[in-house]
Amino acid sequence: MSDIEVRVGQKRFFDNKKFPRGFGKSGDFTLMECDLLTTYGDTLNALQHGELEPENSEEKHFLKVLENPGKAKTKLENVWLKYHKIAYGRRTFHTLHTIGKQVEEESEELITIDDE
């Protein structure tokens, strides 16, 4: 993380709405990704929403990556794209049980067995 030129956030970044128990307990991020998000997420969020102006080339490149995700080259950019996809993208939902066509219940018939 020492080669990252993006400013450290003024406060730790948490998304209590999408990840109420934290990034680490969500199971979607590794420990390193959680650390990157909490350390730099405040700055990246402010850059994305136009609250901060980019000060260096890496921050300017980050804004270009937001427009074209294929240009992501740093771990931090990839983690932010992953966070954004998980937090604001559609989640796939897999059901465990489906109800198919309902089978018509057969009328109950009394079956008598003659014992001889």
PDB file of N, CA and C in Angstrom:
ATOM      1  N   MET A   1       0.813  -1.197   0.000  1.00  0.00           N
ATOM      2  CA  MET A   1       0.000   0.000   0.000  1.00  0.00           C
ATOM      3  C   MET A   1       0.853   1.256   0.000  1.00  0.00           C
ATOM      4  N   SER A   2       2.137   1.136   0.172  1.00  0.00           N
ATOM      5  CA  SER A   2       2.987   2.312   0.258  1.00  0.00           C
ATOM      6  C   SER A   2       3.174   2.996  -1.094  1.00  0.00           C
ATOM      7  N   ASP A   3       2.929   2.298  -2.216  1.00  0.00           N
ATOM      8  CA  ASP A   3       3.112   2.909  -3.523  1.00  0.00           C
ATOM      9  C   ASP A   3       1.843   3.574  -4.056  1.00  0.00           C
ATOM     10  N   ILE A   4       0.814   3.668  -3.257  1.00  0.00           N
ATOM     11  CA  ILE A   4      -0.442   4.291  -3.669  1.00  0.00           C
ATOM     12  C   ILE A   4      -0.329   5.799  -3.490  1.00  0.00           C
ATOM     13  N   GLU A   5      -0.632   6.545  -4.567  1.00  0.00           N
ATOM     14  CA  GLU A   5      -0.520   7.996  -4.528  1.00  0.00           C
ATOM     15  C   GLU A   5      -1.827   8.688  -4.154  1.00  0.00           C
ATOM     16  N   VAL A   6      -2.901   7.943  -4.052  1.00  0.00           N
ATOM     17  CA  VAL A   6      -4.194   8.527  -3.689  1.00  0.00           C
ATOM     18  C   VAL A   6      -4.141   8.972  -2.235  1.00  0.00           C
ATOM     19  N   ARG A   7      -4.751  10.120  -1.965  1.00  0.00           N
ATOM     20  CA  ARG A   7      -4.769  10.638  -0.595  1.00  0.00           C
ATOM     21  C   ARG A   7      -5.516   9.688   0.331  1.00  0.00           C
ATOM     22  N   VAL A   8      -5.025   9.566   1.540  1.00  0.00           N
ATOM     23  CA  VAL A   8      -5.718   8.778   2.563  1.00  0.00           C
ATOM     24  C   VAL A   8      -6.959   9.559   2.967  1.00  0.00           C
ATOM     25  N   GLY A   9      -8.065   8.863   3.164  1.00  0.00           N
ATOM     26  CA  GLY A   9      -9.303   9.528   3.539  1.00  0.00           C
ATOM     27  C   GLY A   9      -9.197  10.245   4.872  1.00  0.00           C
ATOM     28  N   GLN A  10      -9.971  11.306   5.036  1.00  0.00           N
ATOM     29  CA  GLN A  10      -9.957  12.055   6.288  1.00  0.00           C
ATOM     30  C   GLN A  10     -10.577  11.251   7.419  1.00  0.00           C
ATOM     31  N   LYS A  11     -11.421  10.308   7.058  1.00  0.00           N
ATOM     32  CA  LYS A  11     -12.005   9.405   8.054  1.00  0.00           C
ATOM     33  C   LYS A  11     -12.072   8.015   7.436  1.00  0.00           C
ATOM     34  N   ARG A  12     -12.247   7.027   8.268  1.00  0.00           N
ATOM     35  CA  ARG A  12     -12.359   5.656   7.766  1.00  0.00           C
ATOM     36  C   ARG A  12     -13.681   5.509   7.021  1.00  0.00           C
ATOM     37  N   PHE A  13     -13.661   4.738   5.955  1.00  0.00           N
ATOM     38  CA  PHE A  13     -14.829   4.580   5.098  1.00  0.00           C
ATOM     39  C   PHE A  13     -15.600   3.329   5.486  1.00  0.00           C
ATOM     40  N   PHE A  14     -16.880   3.517   5.742  1.00  0.00           N
ATOM     41  CA  PHE A  14     -17.788   2.411   6.025  1.00  0.00           C
ATOM     42  C   PHE A  14     -19.063   2.643   5.236  1.00  0.00           C
ATOM     43  N   ASP A  15     -19.677   1.593   4.770  1.00  0.00           N
ATOM     44  CA  ASP A  15     -20.962   1.678   4.091  1.00  0.00           C
ATOM     45  C   ASP A  15     -21.959   0.890   4.928  1.00  0.00           C
ATOM     46  N   ASN A  16     -22.509   1.560   5.925  1.00  0.00           N
ATOM     47  CA  ASN A  16     -23.407   0.873   6.858  1.00  0.00           C
ATOM     48  C   ASN A  16     -24.735   0.488   6.226  1.00  0.00           C
ATOM     49  N   LYS A  17     -25.077   1.122   5.106  1.00  0.00           N
ATOM     50  CA  LYS A  17     -26.337   0.791   4.452  1.00  0.00           C
ATOM     51  C   LYS A  17     -26.228  -0.529   3.678  1.00  0.00           C
ATOM     52  N   LYS A  18     -25.164  -0.679   2.903  1.00  0.00           N
ATOM     53  CA  LYS A  18     -25.004  -1.880   2.082  1.00  0.00           C
ATOM     54  C   LYS A  18     -24.248  -2.998   2.802  1.00  0.00           C
ATOM     55  N   PHE A  19     -23.353  -2.620   3.723  1.00  0.00           N
ATOM     56  CA  PHE A  19     -22.562  -3.598   4.470  1.00  0.00           C
ATOM     57  C   PHE A  19     -22.674  -3.279   5.959  1.00  0.00           C
ATOM     58  N   PRO A  20     -23.822  -3.574   6.576  1.00  0.00           N
ATOM     59  CA  PRO A  20     -24.038  -3.164   7.971  1.00  0.00           C
ATOM     60  C   PRO A  20     -23.083  -3.805   8.973  1.00  0.00           C
ATOM     61  N   ARG A  21     -22.538  -4.960   8.651  1.00  0.00           N
ATOM     62  CA  ARG A  21     -21.602  -5.608   9.581  1.00  0.00           C
ATOM     63  C   ARG A  21     -20.153  -5.381   9.171  1.00  0.00           C
ATOM     64  N   GLY A  22     -19.921  -4.559   8.178  1.00  0.00           N
ATOM     65  CA  GLY A  22     -18.568  -4.247   7.737  1.00  0.00           C
ATOM     66  C   GLY A  22     -18.173  -5.026   6.494  1.00  0.00           C
ATOM     67  N   PHE A  23     -17.114  -4.550   5.855  1.00  0.00           N
ATOM     68  CA  PHE A  23     -16.639  -5.197   4.633  1.00  0.00           C
ATOM     69  C   PHE A  23     -16.071  -6.583   4.922  1.00  0.00           C
ATOM     70  N   GLY A  24     -15.382  -6.714   6.037  1.00  0.00           N
ATOM     71  CA  GLY A  24     -14.726  -7.972   6.370  1.00  0.00           C
ATOM     72  C   GLY A  24     -15.695  -9.109   6.625  1.00  0.00           C
ATOM     73  N   LYS A  25     -16.810  -8.806   7.254  1.00  0.00           N
ATOM     74  CA  LYS A  25     -17.770  -9.857   7.594  1.00  0.00           C
ATOM     75  C   LYS A  25     -18.759 -10.141   6.471  1.00  0.00           C
ATOM     76  N   SER A  26     -18.698  -9.354   5.404  1.00  0.00           N
ATOM     77  CA  SER A  26     -19.623  -9.587   4.299  1.00  0.00           C
ATOM     78  C   SER A  26     -19.254 -10.841   3.515  1.00  0.00           C
ATOM     79  N   GLY A  27     -17.973 -11.206   3.541  1.00  0.00           N
ATOM     80  CA  GLY A  27     -17.528 -12.367   2.791  1.00  0.00           C
ATOM     81  C   GLY A  27     -17.216 -12.066   1.337  1.00  0.00           C
ATOM     82  N   ASP A  28     -17.363 -10.814   0.931  1.00  0.00           N
ATOM     83  CA  ASP A  28     -17.117 -10.440  -0.456  1.00  0.00           C
ATOM     84  C   ASP A  28     -15.701  -9.933  -0.700  1.00  0.00           C
ATOM     85  N   PHE A  29     -15.000  -9.527   0.358  1.00  0.00           N
ATOM     86  CA  PHE A  29     -13.694  -8.896   0.214  1.00  0.00           C
ATOM     87  C   PHE A  29     -12.641  -9.626   1.038  1.00  0.00           C
ATOM     88  N   THR A  30     -11.401  -9.604   0.543  1.00  0.00           N
ATOM     89  CA  THR A  30     -10.287 -10.157   1.303  1.00  0.00           C
ATOM     90  C   THR A  30      -9.880  -9.149   2.376  1.00  0.00           C
ATOM     91  N   LEU A  31      -8.996  -9.556   3.272  1.00  0.00           N
ATOM     92  CA  LEU A  31      -8.537  -8.645   4.321  1.00  0.00           C
ATOM     93  C   LEU A  31      -7.832  -7.431   3.736  1.00  0.00           C
ATOM     94  N   MET A  32      -7.023  -7.641   2.704  1.00  0.00           N
ATOM     95  CA  MET A  32      -6.326  -6.524   2.076  1.00  0.00           C
ATOM     96  C   MET A  32      -7.307  -5.570   1.400  1.00  0.00           C
ATOM     97  N   GLU A  33      -8.323  -6.124   0.741  1.00  0.00           N
ATOM     98  CA  GLU A  33      -9.332  -5.284   0.097  1.00  0.00           C
ATOM     99  C   GLU A  33     -10.115  -4.484   1.129  1.00  0.00           C
ATOM    100  N   CYS A  34     -10.431  -5.090   2.269  1.00  0.00           N
ATOM    101  CA  CYS A  34     -11.126  -4.373   3.348  1.00  0.00           C
ATOM    102  C   CYS A  34     -10.282  -3.212   3.842  1.00  0.00           C
ATOM    103  N   ASP A  35      -8.995  -3.452   4.008  1.00  0.00           N
ATOM    104  CA  ASP A  35      -8.087  -2.413   4.476  1.00  0.00           C
ATOM    105  C   ASP A  35      -7.995  -1.273   3.468  1.00  0.00           C
ATOM    106  N   LEU A  36      -7.906  -1.602   2.178  1.00  0.00           N
ATOM    107  CA  LEU A  36      -7.862  -0.567   1.145  1.00  0.00           C
ATOM    108  C   LEU A  36      -9.139   0.261   1.133  1.00  0.00           C
ATOM    109  N   LEU A  37     -10.281  -0.401   1.241  1.00  0.00           N
ATOM    110  CA  LEU A  37     -11.556   0.325   1.224  1.00  0.00           C
ATOM    111  C   LEU A  37     -11.708   1.245   2.427  1.00  0.00           C
ATOM    112  N   THR A  38     -11.385   0.752   3.604  1.00  0.00           N
ATOM    113  CA  THR A  38     -11.562   1.589   4.790  1.00  0.00           C
ATOM    114  C   THR A  38     -10.554   2.728   4.828  1.00  0.00           C
ATOM    115  N   THR A  39      -9.358   2.536   4.268  1.00  0.00           N
ATOM    116  CA  THR A  39      -8.336   3.578   4.299  1.00  0.00           C
ATOM    117  C   THR A  39      -8.557   4.637   3.221  1.00  0.00           C
ATOM    118  N   TYR A  40      -8.832   4.217   1.997  1.00  0.00           N
ATOM    119  CA  TYR A  40      -8.917   5.147   0.870  1.00  0.00           C
ATOM    120  C   TYR A  40     -10.345   5.378   0.374  1.00  0.00           C
ATOM    121  N   GLY A  41     -11.306   4.656   0.890  1.00  0.00           N
ATOM    122  CA  GLY A  41     -12.676   4.742   0.393  1.00  0.00           C
ATOM    123  C   GLY A  41     -13.301   6.111   0.522  1.00  0.00           C
ATOM    124  N   ASP A  42     -12.997   6.832   1.590  1.00  0.00           N
ATOM    125  CA  ASP A  42     -13.555   8.172   1.776  1.00  0.00           C
ATOM    126  C   ASP A  42     -13.100   9.100   0.651  1.00  0.00           C
ATOM    127  N   THR A  43     -11.826   9.031   0.300  1.00  0.00           N
ATOM    128  CA  THR A  43     -11.296   9.864  -0.783  1.00  0.00           C
ATOM    129  C   THR A  43     -11.881   9.445  -2.129  1.00  0.00           C
ATOM    130  N   LEU A  44     -11.934   8.149  -2.398  1.00  0.00           N
ATOM    131  CA  LEU A  44     -12.462   7.668  -3.673  1.00  0.00           C
ATOM    132  C   LEU A  44     -13.936   8.017  -3.831  1.00  0.00           C
ATOM    133  N   ASN A  45     -14.692   7.911  -2.754  1.00  0.00           N
ATOM    134  CA  ASN A  45     -16.107   8.261  -2.791  1.00  0.00           C
ATOM    135  C   ASN A  45     -16.286   9.748  -3.080  1.00  0.00           C
ATOM    136  N   ALA A  46     -15.473  10.587  -2.440  1.00  0.00           N
ATOM    137  CA  ALA A  46     -15.555  12.032  -2.666  1.00  0.00           C
ATOM    138  C   ALA A  46     -15.136  12.380  -4.094  1.00  0.00           C
ATOM    139  N   LEU A  47     -14.120  11.710  -4.620  1.00  0.00           N
ATOM    140  CA  LEU A  47     -13.714  11.944  -6.009  1.00  0.00           C
ATOM    141  C   LEU A  47     -14.824  11.532  -6.971  1.00  0.00           C
ATOM    142  N   GLN A  48     -15.442  10.410  -6.707  1.00  0.00           N
ATOM    143  CA  GLN A  48     -16.493   9.910  -7.589  1.00  0.00           C
ATOM    144  C   GLN A  48     -17.694  10.850  -7.618  1.00  0.00           C
ATOM    145  N   HIS A  49     -18.035  11.420  -6.480  1.00  0.00           N
ATOM    146  CA  HIS A  49     -19.207  12.290  -6.409  1.00  0.00           C
ATOM    147  C   HIS A  49     -18.880  13.759  -6.652  1.00  0.00           C
ATOM    148  N   GLY A  50     -17.635  14.067  -7.015  1.00  0.00           N
ATOM    149  CA  GLY A  50     -17.258  15.437  -7.348  1.00  0.00           C
ATOM    150  C   GLY A  50     -17.038  16.341  -6.157  1.00  0.00           C
ATOM    151  N   GLU A  51     -16.944  15.787  -4.964  1.00  0.00           N
ATOM    152  CA  GLU A  51     -16.726  16.600  -3.766  1.00  0.00           C
ATOM    153  C   GLU A  51     -15.261  16.990  -3.609  1.00  0.00           C
ATOM    154  N   LEU A  52     -14.354  16.236  -4.237  1.00  0.00           N
ATOM    155  CA  LEU A  52     -12.916  16.530  -4.226  1.00  0.00           C
ATOM    156  C   LEU A  52     -12.431  16.634  -5.663  1.00  0.00           C
ATOM    157  N   GLU A  53     -11.444  17.476  -5.874  1.00  0.00           N
ATOM    158  CA  GLU A  53     -10.787  17.570  -7.169  1.00  0.00           C
ATOM    159  C   GLU A  53      -9.531  16.703  -7.136  1.00  0.00           C
ATOM    160  N   PRO A  54      -9.213  16.017  -8.238  1.00  0.00           N
ATOM    161  CA  PRO A  54      -8.000  15.189  -8.257  1.00  0.00           C
ATOM    162  C   PRO A  54      -6.744  16.047  -8.139  1.00  0.00           C
ATOM    163  N   GLU A  55      -5.794  15.584  -7.326  1.00  0.00           N
ATOM    164  CA  GLU A  55      -4.564  16.338  -7.099  1.00  0.00           C
ATOM    165  C   GLU A  55      -3.359  15.739  -7.804  1.00  0.00           C
ATOM    166  N   ASN A  56      -3.421  14.479  -8.192  1.00  0.00           N
ATOM    167  CA  ASN A  56      -2.265  13.860  -8.838  1.00  0.00           C
ATOM    168  C   ASN A  56      -2.729  12.964  -9.982  1.00  0.00           C
ATOM    169  N   SER A  57      -1.765  12.376 -10.666  1.00  0.00           N
ATOM    170  CA  SER A  57      -2.080  11.576 -11.854  1.00  0.00           C
ATOM    171  C   SER A  57      -2.896  10.326 -11.519  1.00  0.00           C
ATOM    172  N   GLU A  58      -2.644   9.727 -10.362  1.00  0.00           N
ATOM    173  CA  GLU A  58      -3.382   8.516 -10.007  1.00  0.00           C
ATOM    174  C   GLU A  58      -4.854   8.828  -9.725  1.00  0.00           C
ATOM    175  N   GLU A  59      -5.123   9.956  -9.117  1.00  0.00           N
ATOM    176  CA  GLU A  59      -6.512  10.344  -8.867  1.00  0.00           C
ATOM    177  C   GLU A  59      -7.211  10.715 -10.171  1.00  0.00           C
ATOM    178  N   LYS A  60      -6.499  11.345 -11.101  1.00  0.00           N
ATOM    179  CA  LYS A  60      -7.078  11.660 -12.413  1.00  0.00           C
ATOM    180  C   LYS A  60      -7.367  10.370 -13.181  1.00  0.00           C
ATOM    181  N   HIS A  61      -6.458   9.408 -13.076  1.00  0.00           N
ATOM    182  CA  HIS A  61      -6.671   8.124 -13.743  1.00  0.00           C
ATOM    183  C   HIS A  61      -7.865   7.399 -13.133  1.00  0.00           C
ATOM    184  N   PHE A  62      -8.059   7.525 -11.830  1.00  0.00           N
ATOM    185  CA  PHE A  62      -9.204   6.894 -11.170  1.00  0.00           C
ATOM    186  C   PHE A  62     -10.515   7.412 -11.757  1.00  0.00           C
ATOM    187  N   LEU A  63     -10.595   8.712 -12.016  1.00  0.00           N
ATOM    188  CA  LEU A  63     -11.814   9.272 -12.603  1.00  0.00           C
ATOM    189  C   LEU A  63     -12.042   8.735 -14.015  1.00  0.00           C
ATOM    190  N   LYS A  64     -10.964   8.498 -14.762  1.00  0.00           N
ATOM    191  CA  LYS A  64     -11.098   7.902 -16.097  1.00  0.00           C
ATOM    192  C   LYS A  64     -11.568   6.455 -15.997  1.00  0.00           C
ATOM    193  N   VAL A  65     -11.098   5.762 -14.963  1.00  0.00           N
ATOM    194  CA  VAL A  65     -11.497   4.365 -14.755  1.00  0.00           C
ATOM    195  C   VAL A  65     -12.991   4.274 -14.460  1.00  0.00           C
ATOM    196  N   LEU A  66     -13.535   5.254 -13.761  1.00  0.00           N
ATOM    197  CA  LEU A  66     -14.969   5.237 -13.469  1.00  0.00           C
ATOM    198  C   LEU A  66     -15.788   5.311 -14.753  1.00  0.00           C
ATOM    199  N   GLU A  67     -15.279   6.032 -15.753  1.00  0.00           N
ATOM    200  CA  GLU A  67     -15.977   6.134 -17.031  1.00  0.00           C
ATOM    201  C   GLU A  67     -15.760   4.888 -17.890  1.00  0.00           C
ATOM    202  N   ASN A  68     -14.568   4.292 -17.788  1.00  0.00           N
ATOM    203  CA  ASN A  68     -14.233   3.108 -18.571  1.00  0.00           C
ATOM    204  C   ASN A  68     -13.541   2.090 -17.664  1.00  0.00           C
ATOM    205  N   PRO A  69     -14.293   1.175 -17.044  1.00  0.00           N
ATOM    206  CA  PRO A  69     -13.715   0.229 -16.078  1.00  0.00           C
ATOM    207  C   PRO A  69     -12.616  -0.666 -16.643  1.00  0.00           C
ATOM    208  N   GLY A  70     -12.531  -0.803 -17.936  1.00  0.00           N
ATOM    209  CA  GLY A  70     -11.494  -1.627 -18.535  1.00  0.00           C
ATOM    210  C   GLY A  70     -10.098  -1.049 -18.375  1.00  0.00           C
ATOM    211  N   LYS A  71     -10.002   0.226 -18.013  1.00  0.00           N
ATOM    212  CA  LYS A  71      -8.705   0.880 -17.849  1.00  0.00           C
ATOM    213  C   LYS A  71      -8.112   0.690 -16.460  1.00  0.00           C
ATOM    214  N   ALA A  72      -8.797  -0.004 -15.586  1.00  0.00           N
ATOM    215  CA  ALA A  72      -8.307  -0.186 -14.212  1.00  0.00           C
ATOM    216  C   ALA A  72      -6.989  -0.941 -14.233  1.00  0.00           C
ATOM    217  N   LYS A  73      -5.975  -0.378 -13.553  1.00  0.00           N
ATOM    218  CA  LYS A  73      -4.674  -1.037 -13.543  1.00  0.00           C
ATOM    219  C   LYS A  73      -4.127  -1.242 -12.141  1.00  0.00           C
ATOM    220  N   THR A  74      -4.613  -0.514 -11.156  1.00  0.00           N
ATOM    221  CA  THR A  74      -4.100  -0.675  -9.795  1.00  0.00           C
ATOM    222  C   THR A  74      -5.064  -1.511  -8.968  1.00  0.00           C
ATOM    223  N   LYS A  75      -4.545  -2.068  -7.899  1.00  0.00           N
ATOM    224  CA  LYS A  75      -5.368  -2.873  -6.990  1.00  0.00           C
ATOM    225  C   LYS A  75      -6.486  -2.021  -6.389  1.00  0.00           C
ATOM    226  N   LEU A  76      -6.161  -0.774  -6.061  1.00  0.00           N
ATOM    227  CA  LEU A  76      -7.150   0.114  -5.453  1.00  0.00           C
ATOM    228  C   LEU A  76      -8.312   0.382  -6.403  1.00  0.00           C
ATOM    229  N   GLU A  77      -8.012   0.609  -7.672  1.00  0.00           N
ATOM    230  CA  GLU A  77      -9.075   0.847  -8.653  1.00  0.00           C
ATOM    231  C   GLU A  77      -9.945  -0.396  -8.818  1.00  0.00           C
ATOM    232  N   ASN A  78      -9.314  -1.555  -8.872  1.00  0.00           N
ATOM    233  CA  ASN A  78     -10.082  -2.801  -9.009  1.00  0.00           C
ATOM    234  C   ASN A  78     -10.949  -3.071  -7.787  1.00  0.00           C
ATOM    235  N   VAL A  79     -10.426  -2.768  -6.602  1.00  0.00           N
ATOM    236  CA  VAL A  79     -11.213  -2.972  -5.376  1.00  0.00           C
ATOM    237  C   VAL A  79     -12.409  -2.031  -5.360  1.00  0.00           C
ATOM    238  N   TRP A  80     -12.214  -0.785  -5.774  1.00  0.00           N
ATOM    239  CA  TRP A  80     -13.331   0.167  -5.780  1.00  0.00           C
ATOM    240  C   TRP A  80     -14.395  -0.263  -6.781  1.00  0.00           C
ATOM    241  N   LEU A  81     -13.989  -0.736  -7.945  1.00  0.00           N
ATOM    242  CA  LEU A  81     -14.955  -1.225  -8.929  1.00  0.00           C
ATOM    243  C   LEU A  81     -15.703  -2.446  -8.402  1.00  0.00           C
ATOM    244  N   LYS A  82     -14.994  -3.318  -7.715  1.00  0.00           N
ATOM    245  CA  LYS A  82     -15.622  -4.495  -7.110  1.00  0.00           C
ATOM    246  C   LYS A  82     -16.631  -4.072  -6.052  1.00  0.00           C
ATOM    247  N   TYR A  83     -16.242  -3.128  -5.193  1.00  0.00           N
ATOM    248  CA  TYR A  83     -17.155  -2.622  -4.166  1.00  0.00           C
ATOM    249  C   TYR A  83     -18.401  -2.035  -4.813  1.00  0.00           C
ATOM    250  N   HIS A  84     -18.202  -1.219  -5.829  1.00  0.00           N
ATOM    251  CA  HIS A  84     -19.330  -0.546  -6.468  1.00  0.00           C
ATOM    252  C   HIS A  84     -20.256  -1.557  -7.139  1.00  0.00           C
ATOM    253  N   LYS A  85     -19.678  -2.586  -7.744  1.00  0.00           N
ATOM    254  CA  LYS A  85     -20.492  -3.619  -8.393  1.00  0.00           C
ATOM    255  C   LYS A  85     -21.323  -4.387  -7.367  1.00  0.00           C
ATOM    256  N   ILE A  86     -20.702  -4.732  -6.238  1.00  0.00           N
ATOM    257  CA  ILE A  86     -21.411  -5.495  -5.210  1.00  0.00           C
ATOM    258  C   ILE A  86     -22.459  -4.630  -4.516  1.00  0.00           C
ATOM    259  N   ALA A  87     -22.107  -3.389  -4.215  1.00  0.00           N
ATOM    260  CA  ALA A  87     -23.010  -2.527  -3.453  1.00  0.00           C
ATOM    261  C   ALA A  87     -24.183  -2.019  -4.286  1.00  0.00           C
ATOM    262  N   TYR A  88     -23.946  -1.707  -5.542  1.00  0.00           N
ATOM    263  CA  TYR A  88     -24.981  -1.067  -6.339  1.00  0.00           C
ATOM    264  C   TYR A  88     -25.441  -1.886  -7.535  1.00  0.00           C
ATOM    265  N   GLY A  89     -24.831  -3.029  -7.762  1.00  0.00           N
ATOM    266  CA  GLY A  89     -25.251  -3.886  -8.864  1.00  0.00           C
ATOM    267  C   GLY A  89     -26.375  -4.809  -8.428  1.00  0.00           C
ATOM    268  N   ARG A  90     -26.882  -5.540  -9.363  1.00  0.00           N
ATOM    269  CA  ARG A  90     -27.940  -6.504  -9.045  1.00  0.00           C
ATOM    270  C   ARG A  90     -27.326  -7.760  -8.480  1.00  0.00           C
ATOM    271  N   ARG A  91     -27.930  -8.268  -7.465  1.00  0.00           N
ATOM    272  CA  ARG A  91     -27.485  -9.540  -6.890  1.00  0.00           C
ATOM    273  C   ARG A  91     -28.278 -10.664  -7.542  1.00  0.00           C
ATOM    274  N   THR A  92     -27.589 -11.738  -7.858  1.00  0.00           N
ATOM    275  CA  THR A  92     -28.292 -12.896  -8.393  1.00  0.00           C
ATOM    276  C   THR A  92     -28.911 -13.660  -7.236  1.00  0.00           C
ATOM    277  N   PHE A  93     -30.088 -14.135  -7.466  1.00  0.00           N
ATOM    278  CA  PHE A  93     -30.826 -14.837  -6.431  1.00  0.00           C
ATOM    279  C   PHE A  93     -31.143 -16.228  -6.942  1.00  0.00           C
ATOM    280  N   HIS A  94     -30.719 -17.213  -6.206  1.00  0.00           N
ATOM    281  CA  HIS A  94     -30.968 -18.597  -6.583  1.00  0.00           C
ATOM    282  C   HIS A  94     -31.924 -19.204  -5.565  1.00  0.00           C
ATOM    283  N   THR A  95     -33.043 -19.681  -6.059  1.00  0.00           N
ATOM    284  CA  THR A  95     -33.998 -20.296  -5.154  1.00  0.00           C
ATOM    285  C   THR A  95     -33.600 -21.739  -4.896  1.00  0.00           C
ATOM    286  N   LEU A  96     -33.959 -22.208  -3.754  1.00  0.00           N
ATOM    287  CA  LEU A  96     -33.676 -23.592  -3.416  1.00  0.00           C
ATOM    288  C   LEU A  96     -34.841 -24.506  -3.765  1.00  0.00           C
ATOM    289  N   HIS A  97     -35.992 -23.928  -3.917  1.00  0.00           N
ATOM    290  CA  HIS A  97     -37.172 -24.726  -4.189  1.00  0.00           C
ATOM    291  C   HIS A  97     -38.044 -23.948  -5.157  1.00  0.00           C
ATOM    292  N   THR A  98     -38.527 -24.627  -6.162  1.00  0.00           N
ATOM    293  CA  THR A  98     -39.454 -23.987  -7.081  1.00  0.00           C
ATOM    294  C   THR A  98     -40.725 -24.806  -7.139  1.00  0.00           C
ATOM    295  N   ILE A  99     -41.778 -24.140  -7.414  1.00  0.00           N
ATOM    296  CA  ILE A  99     -43.055 -24.825  -7.557  1.00  0.00           C
ATOM    297  C   ILE A  99     -43.312 -24.955  -9.050  1.00  0.00           C
ATOM    298  N   GLY A 100     -43.352 -26.176  -9.496  1.00  0.00           N
ATOM    299  CA  GLY A 100     -43.628 -26.430 -10.900  1.00  0.00           C
ATOM    300  C   GLY A 100     -45.128 -26.434 -11.136  1.00  0.00           C
ATOM    301  N   LYS A 101     -45.519 -27.083 -12.181  1.00  0.00           N
ATOM    302  CA  LYS A 101     -46.946 -27.203 -12.444  1.00  0.00           C
ATOM    303  C   LYS A 101     -47.582 -28.012 -11.328  1.00  0.00           C
ATOM    304  N   GLN A 102     -48.680 -27.514 -10.863  1.00  0.00           N
ATOM    305  CA  GLN A 102     -49.350 -28.239  -9.795  1.00  0.00           C
ATOM    306  C   GLN A 102     -50.072 -29.442 -10.394  1.00  0.00           C
ATOM    307  N   VAL A 103     -49.877 -30.541  -9.752  1.00  0.00           N
ATOM    308  CA  VAL A 103     -50.507 -31.777 -10.207  1.00  0.00           C
ATOM    309  C   VAL A 103     -51.914 -31.810  -9.637  1.00  0.00           C
ATOM    310  N   GLU A 104     -52.835 -32.078 -10.516  1.00  0.00           N
ATOM    311  CA  GLU A 104     -54.211 -32.150 -10.044  1.00  0.00           C
ATOM    312  C   GLU A 104     -54.343 -33.349  -9.117  1.00  0.00           C
ATOM    313  N   GLU A 105     -54.985 -33.087  -8.027  1.00  0.00           N
ATOM    314  CA  GLU A 105     -55.170 -34.175  -7.074  1.00  0.00           C
ATOM    315  C   GLU A 105     -56.200 -35.148  -7.635  1.00  0.00           C
ATOM    316  N   GLU A 106     -55.830 -36.393  -7.571  1.00  0.00           N
ATOM    317  CA  GLU A 106     -56.761 -37.404  -8.042  1.00  0.00           C
ATOM    318  C   GLU A 106     -57.852 -37.573  -7.001  1.00  0.00           C
ATOM    319  N   SER A 107     -59.022 -37.847  -7.485  1.00  0.00           N
ATOM    320  CA  SER A 107     -60.115 -38.041  -6.546  1.00  0.00           C
ATOM    321  C   SER A 107     -59.852 -39.312  -5.749  1.00  0.00           C
ATOM    322  N   GLU A 108     -60.178 -39.217  -4.502  1.00  0.00           N
ATOM    323  CA  GLU A 108     -59.934 -40.364  -3.637  1.00  0.00           C
ATOM    324  C   GLU A 108     -60.971 -41.444  -3.939  1.00  0.00           C
ATOM    325  N   GLU A 109     -60.486 -42.591  -4.212  1.00  0.00           N
ATOM    326  CA  GLU A 109     -61.377 -43.711  -4.469  1.00  0.00           C
ATOM    327  C   GLU A 109     -61.155 -44.735  -3.377  1.00  0.00           C
ATOM    328  N   LEU A 110     -62.241 -45.309  -2.964  1.00  0.00           N
ATOM    329  CA  LEU A 110     -62.139 -46.360  -1.968  1.00  0.00           C
ATOM    330  C   LEU A 110     -61.764 -47.653  -2.665  1.00  0.00           C
ATOM    331  N   ILE A 111     -60.719 -48.211  -2.220  1.00  0.00           N
ATOM    332  CA  ILE A 111     -60.270 -49.476  -2.791  1.00  0.00           C
ATOM    333  C   ILE A 111     -60.595 -50.557  -1.772  1.00  0.00           C
ATOM    334  N   THR A 112     -61.354 -51.500  -2.210  1.00  0.00           N
ATOM    335  CA  THR A 112     -61.701 -52.599  -1.312  1.00  0.00           C
ATOM    336  C   THR A 112     -60.994 -53.858  -1.771  1.00  0.00           C
ATOM    337  N   ILE A 113     -60.469 -54.532  -0.826  1.00  0.00           N
ATOM    338  CA  ILE A 113     -59.775 -55.779  -1.122  1.00  0.00           C
ATOM    339  C   ILE A 113     -60.616 -56.899  -0.516  1.00  0.00           C
ATOM    340  N   ASP A 114     -60.976 -57.842  -1.348  1.00  0.00           N
ATOM    341  CA  ASP A 114     -61.774 -58.969  -0.875  1.00  0.00           C
ATOM    342  C   ASP A 114     -60.836 -60.051  -0.388  1.00  0.00           C
ATOM    343  N   ASP A 115     -60.977 -60.373   0.854  1.00  0.00           N
ATOM    344  CA  ASP A 115     -60.200 -61.485   1.396  1.00  0.00           C
ATOM    345  C   ASP A 115     -61.017 -62.756   1.208  1.00  0.00           C
ATOM    346  N   GLU A 116     -60.456 -63.717   0.625  1.00  0.00           N
ATOM    347  CA  GLU A 116     -61.180 -64.949   0.399  1.00  0.00           C
ATOM    348  C   GLU A 116     -60.771 -66.001   1.350  1.00  0.00           C
TER     349      GLU A 116
END
